[in-house]
Amino acid sequence: MKKTKSKFIKVRCKDCENEQILFDKASSPVSCHICGSKLATPKGGKAEIKGELLEIIE
């Protein structure tokens, strides 16, 4: 079986400290559900994380 290199990550918003789980290869901008700040922006492959990376979920 082929194993994917994509992962889900837990990120904390720098503005309101909300924790959210997102895909590390987000193809569209990801905003915080609470305050609307950008948590990640797409960069072709892996997303650029704007919040604080807390955990990589395997």
PDB file of N, CA and C in Angstrom:
ATOM      1  N   MET A   1       0.836  -1.174   0.000  1.00  0.00           N
ATOM      2  CA  MET A   1       0.000   0.000   0.000  1.00  0.00           C
ATOM      3  C   MET A   1       0.885   1.244   0.000  1.00  0.00           C
ATOM      4  N   LYS A   2       0.497   2.236  -0.800  1.00  0.00           N
ATOM      5  CA  LYS A   2       1.258   3.470  -0.911  1.00  0.00           C
ATOM      6  C   LYS A   2       0.895   4.411   0.236  1.00  0.00           C
ATOM      7  N   LYS A   3       1.899   4.976   0.887  1.00  0.00           N
ATOM      8  CA  LYS A   3       1.657   5.877   2.009  1.00  0.00           C
ATOM      9  C   LYS A   3       1.756   7.328   1.524  1.00  0.00           C
ATOM     10  N   THR A   4       0.777   8.114   1.877  1.00  0.00           N
ATOM     11  CA  THR A   4       0.766   9.517   1.465  1.00  0.00           C
ATOM     12  C   THR A   4       1.674  10.358   2.359  1.00  0.00           C
ATOM     13  N   LYS A   5       2.227  11.414   1.796  1.00  0.00           N
ATOM     14  CA  LYS A   5       3.090  12.309   2.558  1.00  0.00           C
ATOM     15  C   LYS A   5       2.306  13.480   3.132  1.00  0.00           C
ATOM     16  N   SER A   6       1.035  13.586   2.777  1.00  0.00           N
ATOM     17  CA  SER A   6       0.181  14.660   3.276  1.00  0.00           C
ATOM     18  C   SER A   6      -0.265  14.347   4.698  1.00  0.00           C
ATOM     19  N   LYS A   7      -0.400  15.391   5.490  1.00  0.00           N
ATOM     20  CA  LYS A   7      -0.779  15.204   6.887  1.00  0.00           C
ATOM     21  C   LYS A   7      -1.743  16.302   7.310  1.00  0.00           C
ATOM     22  N   PHE A   8      -2.442  16.027   8.395  1.00  0.00           N
ATOM     23  CA  PHE A   8      -3.240  17.050   9.035  1.00  0.00           C
ATOM     24  C   PHE A   8      -2.398  17.647  10.147  1.00  0.00           C
ATOM     25  N   ILE A   9      -2.589  18.928  10.401  1.00  0.00           N
ATOM     26  CA  ILE A   9      -1.810  19.608  11.427  1.00  0.00           C
ATOM     27  C   ILE A   9      -2.745  20.401  12.345  1.00  0.00           C
ATOM     28  N   LYS A  10      -2.331  20.550  13.586  1.00  0.00           N
ATOM     29  CA  LYS A  10      -3.083  21.374  14.539  1.00  0.00           C
ATOM     30  C   LYS A  10      -2.340  22.692  14.663  1.00  0.00           C
ATOM     31  N   VAL A  11      -3.085  23.798  14.450  1.00  0.00           N
ATOM     32  CA  VAL A  11      -2.496  25.133  14.446  1.00  0.00           C
ATOM     33  C   VAL A  11      -3.245  26.017  15.445  1.00  0.00           C
ATOM     34  N   ARG A  12      -2.512  26.864  16.160  1.00  0.00           N
ATOM     35  CA  ARG A  12      -3.120  27.818  17.092  1.00  0.00           C
ATOM     36  C   ARG A  12      -3.082  29.207  16.458  1.00  0.00           C
ATOM     37  N   CYS A  13      -4.219  29.876  16.482  1.00  0.00           N
ATOM     38  CA  CYS A  13      -4.324  31.241  15.968  1.00  0.00           C
ATOM     39  C   CYS A  13      -3.505  32.172  16.856  1.00  0.00           C
ATOM     40  N   LYS A  14      -2.712  33.045  16.238  1.00  0.00           N
ATOM     41  CA  LYS A  14      -1.881  33.971  17.012  1.00  0.00           C
ATOM     42  C   LYS A  14      -2.699  35.110  17.608  1.00  0.00           C
ATOM     43  N   ASP A  15      -3.900  35.361  17.060  1.00  0.00           N
ATOM     44  CA  ASP A  15      -4.716  36.471  17.550  1.00  0.00           C
ATOM     45  C   ASP A  15      -5.626  36.074  18.707  1.00  0.00           C
ATOM     46  N   CYS A  16      -6.329  34.932  18.578  1.00  0.00           N
ATOM     47  CA  CYS A  16      -7.317  34.574  19.612  1.00  0.00           C
ATOM     48  C   CYS A  16      -7.005  33.247  20.318  1.00  0.00           C
ATOM     49  N   GLU A  17      -5.931  32.567  19.912  1.00  0.00           N
ATOM     50  CA  GLU A  17      -5.468  31.306  20.501  1.00  0.00           C
ATOM     51  C   GLU A  17      -6.412  30.127  20.281  1.00  0.00           C
ATOM     52  N   ASN A  18      -7.336  30.245  19.338  1.00  0.00           N
ATOM     53  CA  ASN A  18      -8.184  29.120  18.947  1.00  0.00           C
ATOM     54  C   ASN A  18      -7.304  28.057  18.290  1.00  0.00           C
ATOM     55  N   GLU A  19      -7.571  26.788  18.588  1.00  0.00           N
ATOM     56  CA  GLU A  19      -6.827  25.694  17.959  1.00  0.00           C
ATOM     57  C   GLU A  19      -7.700  25.060  16.891  1.00  0.00           C
ATOM     58  N   GLN A  20      -7.102  24.812  15.729  1.00  0.00           N
ATOM     59  CA  GLN A  20      -7.848  24.300  14.597  1.00  0.00           C
ATOM     60  C   GLN A  20      -7.003  23.269  13.857  1.00  0.00           C
ATOM     61  N   ILE A  21      -7.651  22.254  13.288  1.00  0.00           N
ATOM     62  CA  ILE A  21      -6.952  21.227  12.522  1.00  0.00           C
ATOM     63  C   ILE A  21      -7.144  21.530  11.039  1.00  0.00           C
ATOM     64  N   LEU A  22      -6.033  21.533  10.302  1.00  0.00           N
ATOM     65  CA  LEU A  22      -6.111  21.769   8.870  1.00  0.00           C
ATOM     66  C   LEU A  22      -5.181  20.845   8.114  1.00  0.00           C
ATOM     67  N   PHE A  23      -5.348  20.823   6.802  1.00  0.00           N
ATOM     68  CA  PHE A  23      -4.558  19.981   5.910  1.00  0.00           C
ATOM     69  C   PHE A  23      -3.267  20.718   5.567  1.00  0.00           C
ATOM     70  N   ASP A  24      -2.133  20.041   5.610  1.00  0.00           N
ATOM     71  CA  ASP A  24      -0.857  20.725   5.368  1.00  0.00           C
ATOM     72  C   ASP A  24      -0.659  21.146   3.918  1.00  0.00           C
ATOM     73  N   LYS A  25      -1.490  20.638   3.005  1.00  0.00           N
ATOM     74  CA  LYS A  25      -1.419  21.036   1.599  1.00  0.00           C
ATOM     75  C   LYS A  25      -2.702  21.756   1.189  1.00  0.00           C
ATOM     76  N   ALA A  26      -3.105  22.739   1.989  1.00  0.00           N
ATOM     77  CA  ALA A  26      -4.332  23.489   1.720  1.00  0.00           C
ATOM     78  C   ALA A  26      -4.247  24.163   0.342  1.00  0.00           C
ATOM     79  N   SER A  27      -5.292  24.016  -0.461  1.00  0.00           N
ATOM     80  CA  SER A  27      -5.304  24.603  -1.806  1.00  0.00           C
ATOM     81  C   SER A  27      -6.041  25.938  -1.840  1.00  0.00           C
ATOM     82  N   SER A  28      -6.578  26.352  -0.701  1.00  0.00           N
ATOM     83  CA  SER A  28      -7.216  27.660  -0.585  1.00  0.00           C
ATOM     84  C   SER A  28      -6.865  28.232   0.788  1.00  0.00           C
ATOM     85  N   PRO A  29      -6.946  29.553   0.953  1.00  0.00           N
ATOM     86  CA  PRO A  29      -6.617  30.152   2.252  1.00  0.00           C
ATOM     87  C   PRO A  29      -7.504  29.600   3.364  1.00  0.00           C
ATOM     88  N   VAL A  30      -6.911  29.396   4.539  1.00  0.00           N
ATOM     89  CA  VAL A  30      -7.650  28.884   5.704  1.00  0.00           C
ATOM     90  C   VAL A  30      -7.688  29.985   6.751  1.00  0.00           C
ATOM     91  N   SER A  31      -8.908  30.319   7.199  1.00  0.00           N
ATOM     92  CA  SER A  31      -9.093  31.359   8.216  1.00  0.00           C
ATOM     93  C   SER A  31      -9.531  30.734   9.534  1.00  0.00           C
ATOM     94  N   CYS A  32      -9.243  31.439  10.622  1.00  0.00           N
ATOM     95  CA  CYS A  32      -9.676  31.021  11.949  1.00  0.00           C
ATOM     96  C   CYS A  32     -11.198  31.077  12.012  1.00  0.00           C
ATOM     97  N   HIS A  33     -11.808  30.042  12.590  1.00  0.00           N
ATOM     98  CA  HIS A  33     -13.262  29.995  12.722  1.00  0.00           C
ATOM     99  C   HIS A  33     -13.781  31.038  13.713  1.00  0.00           C
ATOM    100  N   ILE A  34     -12.954  31.484  14.629  1.00  0.00           N
ATOM    101  CA  ILE A  34     -13.385  32.409  15.672  1.00  0.00           C
ATOM    102  C   ILE A  34     -13.204  33.874  15.259  1.00  0.00           C
ATOM    103  N   CYS A  35     -11.979  34.267  14.902  1.00  0.00           N
ATOM    104  CA  CYS A  35     -11.709  35.686  14.641  1.00  0.00           C
ATOM    105  C   CYS A  35     -11.496  36.028  13.162  1.00  0.00           C
ATOM    106  N   GLY A  36     -11.316  35.012  12.315  1.00  0.00           N
ATOM    107  CA  GLY A  36     -11.156  35.267  10.882  1.00  0.00           C
ATOM    108  C   GLY A  36      -9.730  35.524  10.413  1.00  0.00           C
ATOM    109  N   SER A  37      -8.751  35.470  11.302  1.00  0.00           N
ATOM    110  CA  SER A  37      -7.348  35.664  10.900  1.00  0.00           C
ATOM    111  C   SER A  37      -6.898  34.524   9.991  1.00  0.00           C
ATOM    112  N   LYS A  38      -5.934  34.802   9.123  1.00  0.00           N
ATOM    113  CA  LYS A  38      -5.395  33.771   8.238  1.00  0.00           C
ATOM    114  C   LYS A  38      -4.525  32.806   9.029  1.00  0.00           C
ATOM    115  N   LEU A  39      -4.814  31.509   8.881  1.00  0.00           N
ATOM    116  CA  LEU A  39      -4.004  30.474   9.529  1.00  0.00           C
ATOM    117  C   LEU A  39      -3.038  29.841   8.540  1.00  0.00           C
ATOM    118  N   ALA A  40      -3.439  29.779   7.268  1.00  0.00           N
ATOM    119  CA  ALA A  40      -2.584  29.178   6.239  1.00  0.00           C
ATOM    120  C   ALA A  40      -2.960  29.736   4.870  1.00  0.00           C
ATOM    121  N   THR A  41      -1.944  29.856   4.013  1.00  0.00           N
ATOM    122  CA  THR A  41      -2.166  30.277   2.635  1.00  0.00           C
ATOM    123  C   THR A  41      -1.502  29.269   1.705  1.00  0.00           C
ATOM    124  N   PRO A  42      -2.115  28.984   0.556  1.00  0.00           N
ATOM    125  CA  PRO A  42      -1.530  28.009  -0.371  1.00  0.00           C
ATOM    126  C   PRO A  42      -0.259  28.547  -1.024  1.00  0.00           C
ATOM    127  N   LYS A  43       0.707  27.676  -1.222  1.00  0.00           N
ATOM    128  CA  LYS A  43       1.980  28.059  -1.842  1.00  0.00           C
ATOM    129  C   LYS A  43       2.405  27.032  -2.886  1.00  0.00           C
ATOM    130  N   GLY A  44       1.477  26.468  -3.629  1.00  0.00           N
ATOM    131  CA  GLY A  44       1.809  25.512  -4.679  1.00  0.00           C
ATOM    132  C   GLY A  44       1.849  24.078  -4.201  1.00  0.00           C
ATOM    133  N   GLY A  45       2.551  23.803  -3.153  1.00  0.00           N
ATOM    134  CA  GLY A  45       2.618  22.455  -2.584  1.00  0.00           C
ATOM    135  C   GLY A  45       2.066  22.499  -1.177  1.00  0.00           C
ATOM    136  N   LYS A  46       2.948  22.568  -0.217  1.00  0.00           N
ATOM    137  CA  LYS A  46       2.524  22.687   1.177  1.00  0.00           C
ATOM    138  C   LYS A  46       2.067  24.116   1.440  1.00  0.00           C
ATOM    139  N   ALA A  47       1.114  24.247   2.342  1.00  0.00           N
ATOM    140  CA  ALA A  47       0.607  25.568   2.698  1.00  0.00           C
ATOM    141  C   ALA A  47       1.600  26.294   3.598  1.00  0.00           C
ATOM    142  N   GLU A  48       1.620  27.622   3.493  1.00  0.00           N
ATOM    143  CA  GLU A  48       2.438  28.435   4.397  1.00  0.00           C
ATOM    144  C   GLU A  48       1.613  28.665   5.658  1.00  0.00           C
ATOM    145  N   ILE A  49       2.110  28.195   6.790  1.00  0.00           N
ATOM    146  CA  ILE A  49       1.389  28.271   8.052  1.00  0.00           C
ATOM    147  C   ILE A  49       1.633  29.639   8.683  1.00  0.00           C
ATOM    148  N   LYS A  50       0.552  30.347   8.985  1.00  0.00           N
ATOM    149  CA  LYS A  50       0.649  31.681   9.584  1.00  0.00           C
ATOM    150  C   LYS A  50       0.483  31.624  11.101  1.00  0.00           C
ATOM    151  N   GLY A  51      -0.199  30.590  11.608  1.00  0.00           N
ATOM    152  CA  GLY A  51      -0.390  30.428  13.045  1.00  0.00           C
ATOM    153  C   GLY A  51       0.758  29.635  13.652  1.00  0.00           C
ATOM    154  N   GLU A  52       0.587  29.238  14.899  1.00  0.00           N
ATOM    155  CA  GLU A  52       1.601  28.456  15.607  1.00  0.00           C
ATOM    156  C   GLU A  52       1.308  26.963  15.424  1.00  0.00           C
ATOM    157  N   LEU A  53       2.251  26.245  14.830  1.00  0.00           N
ATOM    158  CA  LEU A  53       2.108  24.799  14.618  1.00  0.00           C
ATOM    159  C   LEU A  53       2.235  24.085  15.952  1.00  0.00           C
ATOM    160  N   LEU A  54       1.192  23.357  16.344  1.00  0.00           N
ATOM    161  CA  LEU A  54       1.189  22.658  17.636  1.00  0.00           C
ATOM    162  C   LEU A  54       1.501  21.177  17.493  1.00  0.00           C
ATOM    163  N   GLU A  55       0.971  20.546  16.436  1.00  0.00           N
ATOM    164  CA  GLU A  55       1.081  19.092  16.350  1.00  0.00           C
ATOM    165  C   GLU A  55       0.874  18.639  14.907  1.00  0.00           C
ATOM    166  N   ILE A  56       1.597  17.601  14.509  1.00  0.00           N
ATOM    167  CA  ILE A  56       1.383  16.937  13.226  1.00  0.00           C
ATOM    168  C   ILE A  56       0.631  15.665  13.544  1.00  0.00           C
ATOM    169  N   ILE A  57      -0.550  15.517  12.934  1.00  0.00           N
ATOM    170  CA  ILE A  57      -1.409  14.361  13.202  1.00  0.00           C
ATOM    171  C   ILE A  57      -1.151  13.309  12.143  1.00  0.00           C
ATOM    172  N   GLU A  58      -0.685  12.137  12.545  1.00  0.00           N
ATOM    173  CA  GLU A  58      -0.334  11.066  11.604  1.00  0.00           C
ATOM    174  C   GLU A  58      -1.459  10.092  11.421  1.00  0.00           C
TER     175      GLU A  58
END
